[in-house]
Amino acid sequence: ADSTRTFATSLGFIVCTTPVRSPESNGMAESFVKTFKRDYVYVNDLPDAVSVMEKLTEWMEDYNNWHPHKGLKMQSPREYRSSLLAIN
């Protein structure tokens, strides 16, 4: 675990962990990682970790705006916000 933290820090990541004895938090994190790998990392034929890192900002922008979310009944965050504004 220490070597992973050191490596992540060397790449400029801020290392955060889930609270101790909080399986629901860990489950949410694991679900996000699974979705992100499936829908972004694995579908792009990138040669190495550096190439993946270069795409992260673009992928996160897409995920946070356009990607359908199960928790939003398969709407994207933009669609969900628009539907809320239309109601109010």
PDB file of N, CA and C in Angstrom:
ATOM      1  N   ALA A   1       0.821  -1.193   0.000  1.00  0.00           N
ATOM      2  CA  ALA A   1       0.000   0.000   0.000  1.00  0.00           C
ATOM      3  C   ALA A   1       0.866   1.257   0.000  1.00  0.00           C
ATOM      4  N   ASP A   2       1.961   1.236   0.747  1.00  0.00           N
ATOM      5  CA  ASP A   2       2.823   2.418   0.794  1.00  0.00           C
ATOM      6  C   ASP A   2       3.444   2.718  -0.564  1.00  0.00           C
ATOM      7  N   SER A   3       3.838   1.676  -1.286  1.00  0.00           N
ATOM      8  CA  SER A   3       4.443   1.909  -2.602  1.00  0.00           C
ATOM      9  C   SER A   3       3.412   2.480  -3.580  1.00  0.00           C
ATOM     10  N   THR A   4       2.170   2.066  -3.444  1.00  0.00           N
ATOM     11  CA  THR A   4       1.104   2.603  -4.298  1.00  0.00           C
ATOM     12  C   THR A   4       0.875   4.075  -3.996  1.00  0.00           C
ATOM     13  N   ARG A   5       0.841   4.424  -2.710  1.00  0.00           N
ATOM     14  CA  ARG A   5       0.676   5.837  -2.326  1.00  0.00           C
ATOM     15  C   ARG A   5       1.832   6.687  -2.852  1.00  0.00           C
ATOM     16  N   THR A   6       3.043   6.170  -2.712  1.00  0.00           N
ATOM     17  CA  THR A   6       4.224   6.897  -3.176  1.00  0.00           C
ATOM     18  C   THR A   6       4.163   7.109  -4.684  1.00  0.00           C
ATOM     19  N   PHE A   7       3.804   6.051  -5.406  1.00  0.00           N
ATOM     20  CA  PHE A   7       3.702   6.143  -6.863  1.00  0.00           C
ATOM     21  C   PHE A   7       2.627   7.152  -7.267  1.00  0.00           C
ATOM     22  N   ALA A   8       1.457   7.065  -6.656  1.00  0.00           N
ATOM     23  CA  ALA A   8       0.360   7.985  -6.985  1.00  0.00           C
ATOM     24  C   ALA A   8       0.762   9.428  -6.698  1.00  0.00           C
ATOM     25  N   THR A   9       1.407   9.651  -5.574  1.00  0.00           N
ATOM     26  CA  THR A   9       1.862  10.994  -5.215  1.00  0.00           C
ATOM     27  C   THR A   9       2.885  11.505  -6.226  1.00  0.00           C
ATOM     28  N   SER A  10       3.770  10.624  -6.685  1.00  0.00           N
ATOM     29  CA  SER A  10       4.784  11.033  -7.662  1.00  0.00           C
ATOM     30  C   SER A  10       4.159  11.456  -8.986  1.00  0.00           C
ATOM     31  N   LEU A  11       2.962  10.951  -9.270  1.00  0.00           N
ATOM     32  CA  LEU A  11       2.248  11.327 -10.492  1.00  0.00           C
ATOM     33  C   LEU A  11       1.408  12.587 -10.310  1.00  0.00           C
ATOM     34  N   GLY A  12       1.398  13.117  -9.084  1.00  0.00           N
ATOM     35  CA  GLY A  12       0.645  14.333  -8.821  1.00  0.00           C
ATOM     36  C   GLY A  12      -0.753  14.106  -8.281  1.00  0.00           C
ATOM     37  N   PHE A  13      -1.082  12.849  -7.972  1.00  0.00           N
ATOM     38  CA  PHE A  13      -2.393  12.560  -7.404  1.00  0.00           C
ATOM     39  C   PHE A  13      -2.443  12.947  -5.938  1.00  0.00           C
ATOM     40  N   ILE A  14      -3.605  13.354  -5.489  1.00  0.00           N
ATOM     41  CA  ILE A  14      -3.852  13.541  -4.065  1.00  0.00           C
ATOM     42  C   ILE A  14      -4.454  12.233  -3.579  1.00  0.00           C
ATOM     43  N   VAL A  15      -3.765  11.562  -2.688  1.00  0.00           N
ATOM     44  CA  VAL A  15      -4.207  10.251  -2.224  1.00  0.00           C
ATOM     45  C   VAL A  15      -5.264  10.423  -1.146  1.00  0.00           C
ATOM     46  N   CYS A  16      -6.437   9.858  -1.366  1.00  0.00           N
ATOM     47  CA  CYS A  16      -7.495   9.852  -0.354  1.00  0.00           C
ATOM     48  C   CYS A  16      -8.003   8.424  -0.220  1.00  0.00           C
ATOM     49  N   THR A  17      -8.422   8.105   0.967  1.00  0.00           N
ATOM     50  CA  THR A  17      -8.925   6.758   1.224  1.00  0.00           C
ATOM     51  C   THR A  17     -10.329   6.843   1.797  1.00  0.00           C
ATOM     52  N   THR A  18     -11.038   5.732   1.728  1.00  0.00           N
ATOM     53  CA  THR A  18     -12.375   5.691   2.310  1.00  0.00           C
ATOM     54  C   THR A  18     -12.256   5.550   3.817  1.00  0.00           C
ATOM     55  N   PRO A  19     -13.273   5.961   4.552  1.00  0.00           N
ATOM     56  CA  PRO A  19     -13.233   5.824   6.011  1.00  0.00           C
ATOM     57  C   PRO A  19     -13.115   4.358   6.436  1.00  0.00           C
ATOM     58  N   VAL A  20     -12.452   4.141   7.551  1.00  0.00           N
ATOM     59  CA  VAL A  20     -12.314   2.800   8.103  1.00  0.00           C
ATOM     60  C   VAL A  20     -13.696   2.257   8.451  1.00  0.00           C
ATOM     61  N   ARG A  21     -13.911   0.996   8.162  1.00  0.00           N
ATOM     62  CA  ARG A  21     -15.174   0.301   8.441  1.00  0.00           C
ATOM     63  C   ARG A  21     -16.375   1.003   7.798  1.00  0.00           C
ATOM     64  N   SER A  22     -16.190   1.391   6.564  1.00  0.00           N
ATOM     65  CA  SER A  22     -17.260   2.064   5.824  1.00  0.00           C
ATOM     66  C   SER A  22     -17.438   1.385   4.465  1.00  0.00           C
ATOM     67  N   PRO A  23     -18.000   0.174   4.463  1.00  0.00           N
ATOM     68  CA  PRO A  23     -18.093  -0.576   3.203  1.00  0.00           C
ATOM     69  C   PRO A  23     -18.930   0.115   2.133  1.00  0.00           C
ATOM     70  N   GLU A  24     -19.919   0.917   2.544  1.00  0.00           N
ATOM     71  CA  GLU A  24     -20.726   1.588   1.532  1.00  0.00           C
ATOM     72  C   GLU A  24     -19.904   2.604   0.746  1.00  0.00           C
ATOM     73  N   SER A  25     -18.971   3.285   1.397  1.00  0.00           N
ATOM     74  CA  SER A  25     -18.098   4.224   0.692  1.00  0.00           C
ATOM     75  C   SER A  25     -17.183   3.477  -0.263  1.00  0.00           C
ATOM     76  N   ASN A  26     -16.626   2.381   0.188  1.00  0.00           N
ATOM     77  CA  ASN A  26     -15.737   1.595  -0.648  1.00  0.00           C
ATOM     78  C   ASN A  26     -16.487   1.054  -1.864  1.00  0.00           C
ATOM     79  N   GLY A  27     -17.711   0.624  -1.668  1.00  0.00           N
ATOM     80  CA  GLY A  27     -18.510   0.111  -2.779  1.00  0.00           C
ATOM     81  C   GLY A  27     -18.751   1.159  -3.843  1.00  0.00           C
ATOM     82  N   MET A  28     -19.015   2.392  -3.426  1.00  0.00           N
ATOM     83  CA  MET A  28     -19.228   3.478  -4.390  1.00  0.00           C
ATOM     84  C   MET A  28     -17.956   3.739  -5.189  1.00  0.00           C
ATOM     85  N   ALA A  29     -16.819   3.746  -4.495  1.00  0.00           N
ATOM     86  CA  ALA A  29     -15.542   3.979  -5.177  1.00  0.00           C
ATOM     87  C   ALA A  29     -15.241   2.852  -6.157  1.00  0.00           C
ATOM     88  N   GLU A  30     -15.456   1.616  -5.723  1.00  0.00           N
ATOM     89  CA  GLU A  30     -15.194   0.477  -6.597  1.00  0.00           C
ATOM     90  C   GLU A  30     -16.118   0.485  -7.809  1.00  0.00           C
ATOM     91  N   SER A  31     -17.357   0.864  -7.620  1.00  0.00           N
ATOM     92  CA  SER A  31     -18.303   0.936  -8.732  1.00  0.00           C
ATOM     93  C   SER A  31     -17.859   1.986  -9.749  1.00  0.00           C
ATOM     94  N   PHE A  32     -17.420   3.142  -9.257  1.00  0.00           N
ATOM     95  CA  PHE A  32     -16.935   4.191 -10.154  1.00  0.00           C
ATOM     96  C   PHE A  32     -15.729   3.709 -10.951  1.00  0.00           C
ATOM     97  N   VAL A  33     -14.765   3.099 -10.270  1.00  0.00           N
ATOM     98  CA  VAL A  33     -13.550   2.626 -10.951  1.00  0.00           C
ATOM     99  C   VAL A  33     -13.911   1.592 -12.017  1.00  0.00           C
ATOM    100  N   LYS A  34     -14.802   0.671 -11.680  1.00  0.00           N
ATOM    101  CA  LYS A  34     -15.232  -0.355 -12.641  1.00  0.00           C
ATOM    102  C   LYS A  34     -15.860   0.292 -13.879  1.00  0.00           C
ATOM    103  N   THR A  35     -16.769   1.237 -13.660  1.00  0.00           N
ATOM    104  CA  THR A  35     -17.428   1.927 -14.772  1.00  0.00           C
ATOM    105  C   THR A  35     -16.423   2.706 -15.604  1.00  0.00           C
ATOM    106  N   PHE A  36     -15.527   3.412 -14.944  1.00  0.00           N
ATOM    107  CA  PHE A  36     -14.554   4.243 -15.649  1.00  0.00           C
ATOM    108  C   PHE A  36     -13.619   3.391 -16.504  1.00  0.00           C
ATOM    109  N   LYS A  37     -13.139   2.294 -15.938  1.00  0.00           N
ATOM    110  CA  LYS A  37     -12.274   1.399 -16.714  1.00  0.00           C
ATOM    111  C   LYS A  37     -13.028   0.820 -17.908  1.00  0.00           C
ATOM    112  N   ARG A  38     -14.245   0.340 -17.664  1.00  0.00           N
ATOM    113  CA  ARG A  38     -15.032  -0.302 -18.720  1.00  0.00           C
ATOM    114  C   ARG A  38     -15.363   0.673 -19.850  1.00  0.00           C
ATOM    115  N   ASP A  39     -15.801   1.877 -19.504  1.00  0.00           N
ATOM    116  CA  ASP A  39     -16.328   2.798 -20.507  1.00  0.00           C
ATOM    117  C   ASP A  39     -15.306   3.766 -21.091  1.00  0.00           C
ATOM    118  N   TYR A  40     -14.131   3.843 -20.494  1.00  0.00           N
ATOM    119  CA  TYR A  40     -13.119   4.769 -21.004  1.00  0.00           C
ATOM    120  C   TYR A  40     -11.778   4.088 -21.262  1.00  0.00           C
ATOM    121  N   VAL A  41     -11.213   3.472 -20.255  1.00  0.00           N
ATOM    122  CA  VAL A  41      -9.853   2.937 -20.387  1.00  0.00           C
ATOM    123  C   VAL A  41      -9.807   1.768 -21.365  1.00  0.00           C
ATOM    124  N   TYR A  42     -10.655   0.771 -21.164  1.00  0.00           N
ATOM    125  CA  TYR A  42     -10.573  -0.452 -21.967  1.00  0.00           C
ATOM    126  C   TYR A  42     -11.011  -0.272 -23.413  1.00  0.00           C
ATOM    127  N   VAL A  43     -11.843   0.700 -23.709  1.00  0.00           N
ATOM    128  CA  VAL A  43     -12.309   0.890 -25.088  1.00  0.00           C
ATOM    129  C   VAL A  43     -11.346   1.735 -25.916  1.00  0.00           C
ATOM    130  N   ASN A  44     -10.343   2.287 -25.280  1.00  0.00           N
ATOM    131  CA  ASN A  44      -9.329   3.068 -25.982  1.00  0.00           C
ATOM    132  C   ASN A  44      -8.039   2.266 -26.018  1.00  0.00           C
ATOM    133  N   ASP A  45      -7.513   2.082 -27.193  1.00  0.00           N
ATOM    134  CA  ASP A  45      -6.300   1.286 -27.363  1.00  0.00           C
ATOM    135  C   ASP A  45      -5.077   2.183 -27.167  1.00  0.00           C
ATOM    136  N   LEU A  46      -4.773   2.463 -25.908  1.00  0.00           N
ATOM    137  CA  LEU A  46      -3.647   3.339 -25.603  1.00  0.00           C
ATOM    138  C   LEU A  46      -2.441   2.495 -25.203  1.00  0.00           C
ATOM    139  N   PRO A  47      -1.248   2.910 -25.614  1.00  0.00           N
ATOM    140  CA  PRO A  47      -0.067   2.055 -25.442  1.00  0.00           C
ATOM    141  C   PRO A  47       0.492   1.956 -24.027  1.00  0.00           C
ATOM    142  N   ASP A  48       0.208   2.970 -23.183  1.00  0.00           N
ATOM    143  CA  ASP A  48       0.845   2.944 -21.863  1.00  0.00           C
ATOM    144  C   ASP A  48       0.083   3.828 -20.874  1.00  0.00           C
ATOM    145  N   ALA A  49       0.540   3.786 -19.623  1.00  0.00           N
ATOM    146  CA  ALA A  49      -0.119   4.542 -18.549  1.00  0.00           C
ATOM    147  C   ALA A  49      -0.031   6.050 -18.784  1.00  0.00           C
ATOM    148  N   VAL A  50       1.055   6.506 -19.360  1.00  0.00           N
ATOM    149  CA  VAL A  50       1.207   7.942 -19.628  1.00  0.00           C
ATOM    150  C   VAL A  50       0.109   8.406 -20.592  1.00  0.00           C
ATOM    151  N   SER A  51      -0.166   7.615 -21.600  1.00  0.00           N
ATOM    152  CA  SER A  51      -1.225   7.959 -22.558  1.00  0.00           C
ATOM    153  C   SER A  51      -2.587   8.006 -21.880  1.00  0.00           C
ATOM    154  N   VAL A  52      -2.824   7.074 -20.969  1.00  0.00           N
ATOM    155  CA  VAL A  52      -4.078   7.075 -20.210  1.00  0.00           C
ATOM    156  C   VAL A  52      -4.165   8.339 -19.366  1.00  0.00           C
ATOM    157  N   MET A  53      -3.077   8.683 -18.685  1.00  0.00           N
ATOM    158  CA  MET A  53      -3.056   9.880 -17.835  1.00  0.00           C
ATOM    159  C   MET A  53      -3.365  11.141 -18.646  1.00  0.00           C
ATOM    160  N   GLU A  54      -2.877  11.193 -19.871  1.00  0.00           N
ATOM    161  CA  GLU A  54      -3.118  12.364 -20.715  1.00  0.00           C
ATOM    162  C   GLU A  54      -4.593  12.518 -21.079  1.00  0.00           C
ATOM    163  N   LYS A  55      -5.342  11.431 -21.057  1.00  0.00           N
ATOM    164  CA  LYS A  55      -6.755  11.460 -21.413  1.00  0.00           C
ATOM    165  C   LYS A  55      -7.680  11.654 -20.210  1.00  0.00           C
ATOM    166  N   LEU A  56      -7.167  11.533 -18.992  1.00  0.00           N
ATOM    167  CA  LEU A  56      -8.021  11.547 -17.802  1.00  0.00           C
ATOM    168  C   LEU A  56      -8.912  12.778 -17.693  1.00  0.00           C
ATOM    169  N   THR A  57      -8.364  13.956 -17.911  1.00  0.00           N
ATOM    170  CA  THR A  57      -9.157  15.183 -17.787  1.00  0.00           C
ATOM    171  C   THR A  57     -10.328  15.171 -18.766  1.00  0.00           C
ATOM    172  N   GLU A  58     -10.054  14.798 -20.002  1.00  0.00           N
ATOM    173  CA  GLU A  58     -11.108  14.722 -21.023  1.00  0.00           C
ATOM    174  C   GLU A  58     -12.168  13.695 -20.633  1.00  0.00           C
ATOM    175  N   TRP A  59     -11.729  12.530 -20.169  1.00  0.00           N
ATOM    176  CA  TRP A  59     -12.668  11.477 -19.786  1.00  0.00           C
ATOM    177  C   TRP A  59     -13.509  11.880 -18.580  1.00  0.00           C
ATOM    178  N   MET A  60     -12.893  12.529 -17.599  1.00  0.00           N
ATOM    179  CA  MET A  60     -13.645  12.964 -16.413  1.00  0.00           C
ATOM    180  C   MET A  60     -14.684  14.016 -16.795  1.00  0.00           C
ATOM    181  N   GLU A  61     -14.318  14.901 -17.695  1.00  0.00           N
ATOM    182  CA  GLU A  61     -15.262  15.917 -18.185  1.00  0.00           C
ATOM    183  C   GLU A  61     -16.464  15.236 -18.849  1.00  0.00           C
ATOM    184  N   ASP A  62     -16.196  14.242 -19.669  1.00  0.00           N
ATOM    185  CA  ASP A  62     -17.276  13.505 -20.317  1.00  0.00           C
ATOM    186  C   ASP A  62     -18.131  12.782 -19.282  1.00  0.00           C
ATOM    187  N   TYR A  63     -17.487  12.092 -18.359  1.00  0.00           N
ATOM    188  CA  TYR A  63     -18.212  11.330 -17.338  1.00  0.00           C
ATOM    189  C   TYR A  63     -19.109  12.245 -16.498  1.00  0.00           C
ATOM    190  N   ASN A  64     -18.594  13.401 -16.131  1.00  0.00           N
ATOM    191  CA  ASN A  64     -19.338  14.310 -15.255  1.00  0.00           C
ATOM    192  C   ASN A  64     -20.392  15.148 -15.977  1.00  0.00           C
ATOM    193  N   ASN A  65     -20.437  15.064 -17.307  1.00  0.00           N
ATOM    194  CA  ASN A  65     -21.421  15.848 -18.054  1.00  0.00           C
ATOM    195  C   ASN A  65     -22.321  15.022 -18.964  1.00  0.00           C
ATOM    196  N   TRP A  66     -21.751  14.072 -19.692  1.00  0.00           N
ATOM    197  CA  TRP A  66     -22.487  13.405 -20.765  1.00  0.00           C
ATOM    198  C   TRP A  66     -22.758  11.923 -20.554  1.00  0.00           C
ATOM    199  N   HIS A  67     -21.994  11.270 -19.743  1.00  0.00           N
ATOM    200  CA  HIS A  67     -22.117   9.816 -19.558  1.00  0.00           C
ATOM    201  C   HIS A  67     -23.383   9.483 -18.769  1.00  0.00           C
ATOM    202  N   PRO A  68     -24.188   8.516 -19.228  1.00  0.00           N
ATOM    203  CA  PRO A  68     -25.375   8.117 -18.455  1.00  0.00           C
ATOM    204  C   PRO A  68     -24.977   7.513 -17.109  1.00  0.00           C
ATOM    205  N   HIS A  69     -25.737   7.846 -16.075  1.00  0.00           N
ATOM    206  CA  HIS A  69     -25.466   7.345 -14.725  1.00  0.00           C
ATOM    207  C   HIS A  69     -26.655   6.524 -14.240  1.00  0.00           C
ATOM    208  N   LYS A  70     -26.366   5.350 -13.731  1.00  0.00           N
ATOM    209  CA  LYS A  70     -27.425   4.478 -13.213  1.00  0.00           C
ATOM    210  C   LYS A  70     -28.212   5.181 -12.106  1.00  0.00           C
ATOM    211  N   GLY A  71     -27.513   5.893 -11.232  1.00  0.00           N
ATOM    212  CA  GLY A  71     -28.160   6.595 -10.125  1.00  0.00           C
ATOM    213  C   GLY A  71     -29.067   7.735 -10.570  1.00  0.00           C
ATOM    214  N   LEU A  72     -28.926   8.151 -11.824  1.00  0.00           N
ATOM    215  CA  LEU A  72     -29.779   9.206 -12.391  1.00  0.00           C
ATOM    216  C   LEU A  72     -30.760   8.607 -13.397  1.00  0.00           C
ATOM    217  N   LYS A  73     -31.064   7.335 -13.218  1.00  0.00           N
ATOM    218  CA  LYS A  73     -31.982   6.600 -14.112  1.00  0.00           C
ATOM    219  C   LYS A  73     -31.507   6.667 -15.561  1.00  0.00           C
ATOM    220  N   MET A  74     -30.206   6.464 -15.738  1.00  0.00           N
ATOM    221  CA  MET A  74     -29.524   6.420 -17.031  1.00  0.00           C
ATOM    222  C   MET A  74     -29.568   7.743 -17.794  1.00  0.00           C
ATOM    223  N   GLN A  75     -29.748   8.825 -17.075  1.00  0.00           N
ATOM    224  CA  GLN A  75     -29.596  10.150 -17.674  1.00  0.00           C
ATOM    225  C   GLN A  75     -28.162  10.602 -17.439  1.00  0.00           C
ATOM    226  N   SER A  76     -27.674  11.470 -18.309  1.00  0.00           N
ATOM    227  CA  SER A  76     -26.386  12.099 -18.046  1.00  0.00           C
ATOM    228  C   SER A  76     -26.604  13.184 -16.993  1.00  0.00           C
ATOM    229  N   PRO A  77     -25.542  13.626 -16.316  1.00  0.00           N
ATOM    230  CA  PRO A  77     -25.712  14.717 -15.358  1.00  0.00           C
ATOM    231  C   PRO A  77     -26.322  15.976 -15.994  1.00  0.00           C
ATOM    232  N   ARG A  78     -25.954  16.280 -17.224  1.00  0.00           N
ATOM    233  CA  ARG A  78     -26.543  17.445 -17.901  1.00  0.00           C
ATOM    234  C   ARG A  78     -28.034  17.256 -18.130  1.00  0.00           C
ATOM    235  N   GLU A  79     -28.425  16.061 -18.574  1.00  0.00           N
ATOM    236  CA  GLU A  79     -29.847  15.790 -18.785  1.00  0.00           C
ATOM    237  C   GLU A  79     -30.609  15.880 -17.472  1.00  0.00           C
ATOM    238  N   TYR A  80     -30.008  15.359 -16.424  1.00  0.00           N
ATOM    239  CA  TYR A  80     -30.658  15.375 -15.112  1.00  0.00           C
ATOM    240  C   TYR A  80     -30.850  16.810 -14.619  1.00  0.00           C
ATOM    241  N   ARG A  81     -29.802  17.627 -14.728  1.00  0.00           N
ATOM    242  CA  ARG A  81     -29.911  19.035 -14.305  1.00  0.00           C
ATOM    243  C   ARG A  81     -30.964  19.768 -15.135  1.00  0.00           C
ATOM    244  N   SER A  82     -30.983  19.511 -16.433  1.00  0.00           N
ATOM    245  CA  SER A  82     -31.984  20.157 -17.301  1.00  0.00           C
ATOM    246  C   SER A  82     -33.398  19.766 -16.908  1.00  0.00           C
ATOM    247  N   SER A  83     -33.585  18.487 -16.573  1.00  0.00           N
ATOM    248  CA  SER A  83     -34.930  18.046 -16.177  1.00  0.00           C
ATOM    249  C   SER A  83     -35.347  18.685 -14.858  1.00  0.00           C
ATOM    250  N   LEU A  84     -34.405  18.886 -13.948  1.00  0.00           N
ATOM    251  CA  LEU A  84     -34.727  19.557 -12.683  1.00  0.00           C
ATOM    252  C   LEU A  84     -35.101  21.013 -12.917  1.00  0.00           C
ATOM    253  N   LEU A  85     -34.369  21.678 -13.799  1.00  0.00           N
ATOM    254  CA  LEU A  85     -34.664  23.080 -14.091  1.00  0.00           C
ATOM    255  C   LEU A  85     -36.011  23.227 -14.785  1.00  0.00           C
ATOM    256  N   ALA A  86     -36.375  22.263 -15.618  1.00  0.00           N
ATOM    257  CA  ALA A  86     -37.660  22.313 -16.323  1.00  0.00           C
ATOM    258  C   ALA A  86     -38.825  22.167 -15.359  1.00  0.00           C
ATOM    259  N   ILE A  87     -38.619  21.420 -14.284  1.00  0.00           N
ATOM    260  CA  ILE A  87     -39.671  21.214 -13.284  1.00  0.00           C
ATOM    261  C   ILE A  87     -39.878  22.475 -12.459  1.00  0.00           C
ATOM    262  N   ASN A  88     -38.789  23.156 -12.144  1.00  0.00           N
ATOM    263  CA  ASN A  88     -38.861  24.344 -11.285  1.00  0.00           C
ATOM    264  C   ASN A  88     -39.081  25.528 -12.134  1.00  0.00           C
TER     265      ASN A  88
END
